[in-house]
Amino acid sequence: MRIHPSRSRATYAALLLASTWLAPLRAARADAPASTATSTATATAAPRAATSTSAAPARSANAGRAAEEEESDGRDADLIWIEAVGGYSYVNMRAIRYDNLYPSVVALSGSGFGGGLAAGVRFSFVSLGARATIASYEGFDVGTAAAEITLRLPTPVVEPWVRAGFGYGWHGTANYDTPGLSQTNVYGYVIQAAAGLDIYLGKFFAIGAGFDVDILNLSRQALTLGAGMASPTGVDLTKDGNAVGLQLRGHLAASLHF
């Protein structure tokens, strides 16, 4: 069968017209999934970017806190401190100078146990405080009460220190049952120096050890002797006496920090 040329041309024209109208629709359908995927990806990425942006300051803040905690020794509240000490002491009241203090029959040297209490405040690496000590020797006691300044190396856990003090010292016999009956007429001033270290077992508690050197400059007041009484050989009790002695103390300590 032969197709008439006019019909063939009409059919071709119709197909061409149809393809021209359908081409934009096909292109729109092809672009729709791509644009949908792009918008979906953009929408998904936006929260992620926001989350990442908001998380960045949080990570930075956490890193800063971690760095501060690593640098800190954990003793942020170390302002007020209280300390108790105990140890062994040696004293020689004639060690440096001796002038008419006591007759030779009076004990002026020996070794024995001692203890003390101290308290004060701390500002950074500097501590200010007051300390009282007493050491019991055979036949006599030596006590001190002094103001002090301590320089500390604020390293974590183990903290070395050096200390200097100045105050009051005495030599006599302590009555522990009735302190008011303690007898002494020999007293003066004391210069103290010490060094040691503390080990912090927590923010509020530490133990430590140290070595103290006390220079004691003590004087005896003149006595009025009764009729017929004489001063012991070599010592005139009617005149003042003086001595500069040395006391060495090794101690262990426990302290509270607030």
Protein backbone atom coordinates (compact mmCIF):
# COMPACT_ATOMS: atom_id res chain seq x y z
CA MET A 1 0.00 0.00 0.00
CA ARG A 2 1.35 3.38 -0.87
CA ILE A 3 1.15 6.30 1.53
CA HIS A 4 0.09 9.47 0.02
CA PRO A 5 2.82 12.10 0.22
CA SER A 6 0.51 14.71 1.74
CA ARG A 7 -0.47 12.37 4.57
CA SER A 8 3.14 11.51 5.27
CA ARG A 9 4.01 15.15 5.55
CA ALA A 10 1.08 15.80 7.87
CA THR A 11 2.05 12.91 10.14
CA TYR A 12 5.64 14.13 10.32
CA ALA A 13 4.48 17.61 11.19
CA ALA A 14 2.28 16.28 14.00
CA LEU A 15 5.09 14.23 15.46
CA LEU A 16 7.46 17.18 15.31
CA LEU A 17 4.92 19.39 17.05
CA ALA A 18 4.33 16.79 19.77
CA SER A 19 8.01 16.34 20.42
CA THR A 20 8.44 20.10 20.66
CA TRP A 21 5.71 20.33 23.32
CA LEU A 22 6.91 17.27 25.26
CA ALA A 23 10.60 18.24 25.42
CA PRO A 24 10.18 20.90 28.16
CA LEU A 25 8.05 18.53 30.24
CA ARG A 26 10.68 15.80 30.04
CA ALA A 27 13.41 18.28 30.99
CA ALA A 28 11.36 19.50 33.97
CA ARG A 29 10.80 15.92 35.12
CA ALA A 30 14.54 15.18 34.82
CA ASP A 31 15.50 18.30 36.77
CA ALA A 32 12.97 17.76 39.58
CA PRO A 33 14.79 14.86 41.37
CA ALA A 34 18.14 16.68 41.14
CA SER A 35 16.74 19.88 42.64
CA THR A 36 14.92 17.90 45.31
CA ALA A 37 18.14 16.08 46.23
CA THR A 38 20.04 19.35 46.28
CA SER A 39 17.49 21.04 48.52
CA THR A 40 17.38 17.99 50.78
CA ALA A 41 21.16 17.94 51.04
CA THR A 42 21.21 21.67 51.75
CA ALA A 43 18.53 21.33 54.42
CA THR A 44 20.41 18.44 56.01
CA ALA A 45 23.74 20.22 55.90
CA ALA A 46 22.34 23.37 57.52
CA PRO A 47 21.53 21.77 60.90
CA ARG A 48 24.85 19.97 60.79
CA ALA A 49 26.64 23.25 60.21
CA ALA A 50 24.64 24.88 62.97
CA THR A 51 25.38 21.98 65.30
CA SER A 52 29.06 22.12 64.40
CA THR A 53 29.11 25.89 64.93
CA SER A 54 27.36 25.65 68.29
CA ALA A 55 29.56 22.73 69.37
CA ALA A 56 32.76 24.61 68.62
CA PRO A 57 32.42 27.09 71.55
CA ALA A 58 31.43 24.24 73.86
CA ARG A 59 34.53 22.26 72.90
CA SER A 60 36.64 25.39 73.33
CA ALA A 61 35.15 26.07 76.78
CA ASN A 62 35.69 22.46 77.86
CA ALA A 63 39.27 22.57 76.61
CA GLY A 64 39.83 25.80 78.57
CA ARG A 65 38.44 24.27 81.76
CA ALA A 66 40.57 21.16 81.28
CA ALA A 67 43.67 23.29 80.81
CA GLU A 68 42.87 25.31 83.95
CA GLU A 69 42.30 22.14 85.98
CA GLU A 70 45.55 20.68 84.69
CA GLU A 71 47.49 23.82 85.63
CA SER A 72 45.74 24.21 89.00
CA ASP A 73 46.93 22.24 92.03
CA GLY A 74 43.33 21.87 93.28
CA ARG A 75 43.87 24.09 96.33
CA ASP A 76 41.84 27.09 95.23
CA ALA A 77 40.45 27.68 98.75
CA ASP A 78 43.79 27.51 100.59
CA LEU A 79 43.42 30.75 102.56
CA ILE A 80 43.30 29.81 106.26
CA TRP A 81 45.49 27.03 107.66
CA ILE A 82 45.94 25.31 111.03
CA GLU A 83 48.90 23.04 111.80
CA ALA A 84 49.96 20.68 114.59
CA VAL A 85 53.58 19.55 114.85
CA GLY A 86 55.52 17.04 116.91
CA GLY A 87 59.09 15.82 116.91
CA TYR A 88 62.45 15.58 118.64
CA SER A 89 64.59 18.49 119.85
CA TYR A 90 68.08 19.27 121.07
CA VAL A 91 69.07 22.44 122.94
CA ASN A 92 72.30 23.91 124.28
CA MET A 93 71.86 27.21 126.10
CA ARG A 94 75.65 27.73 126.12
CA ALA A 95 76.14 27.06 122.40
CA ILE A 96 76.88 30.64 121.28
CA ARG A 97 77.41 32.78 124.37
CA TYR A 98 77.09 32.34 128.12
CA ASP A 99 77.38 35.12 130.69
CA ASN A 100 76.43 34.64 134.36
CA LEU A 101 73.13 32.91 133.58
CA TYR A 102 72.96 29.89 135.88
CA PRO A 103 75.45 27.90 137.95
CA SER A 104 76.85 24.79 136.34
CA VAL A 105 74.61 22.56 138.45
CA VAL A 106 71.56 23.76 136.48
CA ALA A 107 70.88 21.74 133.31
CA LEU A 108 71.13 23.93 130.22
CA SER A 109 71.45 21.33 127.47
CA GLY A 110 69.73 18.11 126.52
CA SER A 111 67.37 16.40 124.10
CA GLY A 112 63.72 15.49 124.31
CA PHE A 113 60.36 15.49 122.62
CA GLY A 114 58.42 18.60 121.70
CA GLY A 115 55.35 19.80 119.90
CA GLY A 116 53.48 22.89 118.84
CA LEU A 117 50.54 24.57 117.16
CA ALA A 118 50.44 27.15 114.38
CA ALA A 119 47.80 29.02 112.39
CA GLY A 120 47.70 31.73 109.78
CA VAL A 121 46.61 32.91 106.37
CA ARG A 122 48.00 32.33 102.90
CA PHE A 123 48.18 34.63 99.88
CA SER A 124 49.42 32.81 96.79
CA PHE A 125 52.93 31.55 97.65
CA VAL A 126 53.26 33.60 100.89
CA SER A 127 51.91 32.52 104.29
CA LEU A 128 51.72 34.64 107.41
CA GLY A 129 51.08 33.11 110.81
CA ALA A 130 51.93 32.56 114.47
CA ARG A 131 53.51 29.49 116.04
CA ALA A 132 53.90 28.28 119.63
CA THR A 133 56.20 25.37 120.57
CA ILE A 134 57.38 23.67 123.73
CA ALA A 135 60.10 21.06 124.19
CA SER A 136 60.59 19.04 127.36
CA TYR A 137 64.14 18.20 128.41
CA GLU A 138 65.48 16.45 131.50
CA GLY A 139 64.94 18.92 134.33
CA PHE A 140 63.70 21.91 132.31
CA ASP A 141 61.59 23.06 129.36
CA VAL A 142 62.06 25.55 126.55
CA GLY A 143 59.13 27.32 124.94
CA THR A 144 58.74 29.75 122.06
CA ALA A 145 55.95 31.90 120.61
CA ALA A 146 56.71 33.70 117.35
CA ALA A 147 55.25 35.42 114.33
CA GLU A 148 56.39 33.91 111.05
CA ILE A 149 56.47 34.27 107.29
CA THR A 150 56.65 31.26 104.96
CA LEU A 151 57.51 31.16 101.27
CA ARG A 152 56.09 28.18 99.41
CA LEU A 153 56.70 26.66 95.99
CA PRO A 154 53.10 25.94 94.86
CA THR A 155 53.71 22.73 92.92
CA PRO A 156 51.01 20.04 92.72
CA VAL A 157 50.81 17.55 95.61
CA VAL A 158 54.33 18.10 97.07
CA GLU A 159 55.03 21.66 98.22
CA PRO A 160 58.50 22.70 99.49
CA TRP A 161 58.76 25.72 101.81
CA VAL A 162 61.14 27.88 103.82
CA ARG A 163 60.17 29.83 106.94
CA ALA A 164 61.52 32.59 109.16
CA GLY A 165 60.16 33.83 112.48
CA PHE A 166 60.80 36.15 115.38
CA GLY A 167 59.26 36.18 118.83
CA TYR A 168 59.45 35.27 122.51
CA GLY A 169 61.35 32.42 124.17
CA TRP A 170 61.71 31.14 127.72
CA HIS A 171 63.58 28.57 129.79
CA GLY A 172 62.12 27.08 132.96
CA THR A 173 59.87 24.38 134.36
CA ALA A 174 56.41 23.95 132.89
CA ASN A 175 53.53 22.78 135.06
CA TYR A 176 51.18 21.04 132.62
CA ASP A 177 48.50 20.38 135.25
CA THR A 178 48.40 24.01 136.44
CA PRO A 179 50.07 26.25 133.83
CA GLY A 180 49.83 29.25 136.16
CA LEU A 181 52.33 27.57 138.50
CA SER A 182 54.98 27.20 135.80
CA GLN A 183 58.25 28.69 136.98
CA THR A 184 60.66 30.73 134.90
CA ASN A 185 62.65 33.88 135.33
CA VAL A 186 64.72 33.36 132.18
CA TYR A 187 63.20 34.70 129.02
CA GLY A 188 64.02 36.78 125.97
CA TYR A 189 63.66 36.61 122.21
CA VAL A 190 64.04 33.88 119.60
CA ILE A 191 64.99 33.97 115.93
CA GLN A 192 63.71 30.99 113.96
CA ALA A 193 64.49 29.48 110.56
CA ALA A 194 63.06 26.32 109.06
CA ALA A 195 62.69 24.38 105.81
CA GLY A 196 60.63 21.38 104.78
CA LEU A 197 57.87 20.14 102.53
CA ASP A 198 54.16 19.35 102.70
CA ILE A 199 52.33 16.57 100.87
CA TYR A 200 48.71 17.39 100.07
CA LEU A 201 46.44 14.37 100.41
CA GLY A 202 43.44 16.45 99.30
CA LYS A 203 42.23 20.01 99.02
CA PHE A 204 41.95 20.45 102.78
CA PHE A 205 44.50 18.12 104.40
CA ALA A 206 48.28 17.80 104.22
CA ILE A 207 51.09 16.07 106.05
CA GLY A 208 54.67 17.23 106.11
CA ALA A 209 58.12 17.23 107.66
CA GLY A 210 60.65 19.92 108.43
CA PHE A 211 63.76 20.97 110.30
CA ASP A 212 63.89 24.03 112.58
CA VAL A 213 66.76 26.07 113.96
CA ASP A 214 66.07 28.41 116.91
CA ILE A 215 68.57 30.98 118.20
CA LEU A 216 67.58 31.78 121.77
CA ASN A 217 68.83 34.97 123.43
CA LEU A 218 67.58 34.62 127.00
CA SER A 219 68.25 36.71 130.07
CA ARG A 220 67.93 36.12 133.81
CA GLN A 221 66.77 38.89 136.10
CA ALA A 222 68.89 39.74 139.12
CA LEU A 223 67.85 38.10 142.39
CA THR A 224 67.81 39.61 145.87
CA LEU A 225 69.55 37.17 148.22
CA GLY A 226 68.71 36.97 151.92
CA ALA A 227 71.19 37.62 154.69
CA GLY A 228 73.90 34.99 154.89
CA MET A 229 73.11 33.64 151.40
CA ALA A 230 75.90 33.61 148.86
CA SER A 231 75.86 33.25 145.09
CA PRO A 232 77.02 29.89 143.73
CA THR A 233 80.60 29.70 142.57
CA GLY A 234 81.12 31.43 139.24
CA VAL A 235 77.66 33.00 139.12
CA ASP A 236 76.50 36.21 140.79
CA LEU A 237 72.75 35.87 141.09
CA THR A 238 72.46 39.48 142.28
CA LYS A 239 73.37 40.56 138.75
CA ASP A 240 71.59 39.94 135.49
CA GLY A 241 72.64 36.94 133.43
CA ASN A 242 72.47 36.28 129.72
CA ALA A 243 73.02 33.43 127.28
CA VAL A 244 72.64 32.82 123.55
CA GLY A 245 71.77 29.22 122.86
CA LEU A 246 70.80 26.99 119.99
CA GLN A 247 67.80 24.68 119.65
CA LEU A 248 67.47 22.19 116.77
CA ARG A 249 64.16 20.52 116.04
CA GLY A 250 63.04 17.90 113.55
CA HIS A 251 59.28 17.63 113.24
CA LEU A 252 56.35 15.96 111.51
CA ALA A 253 53.23 17.99 110.81
CA ALA A 254 49.56 17.64 109.92
CA SER A 255 47.59 20.63 108.66
CA LEU A 256 44.09 21.67 107.61
CA HIS A 257 43.51 24.19 104.83
CA PHE A 258 40.32 26.17 104.20
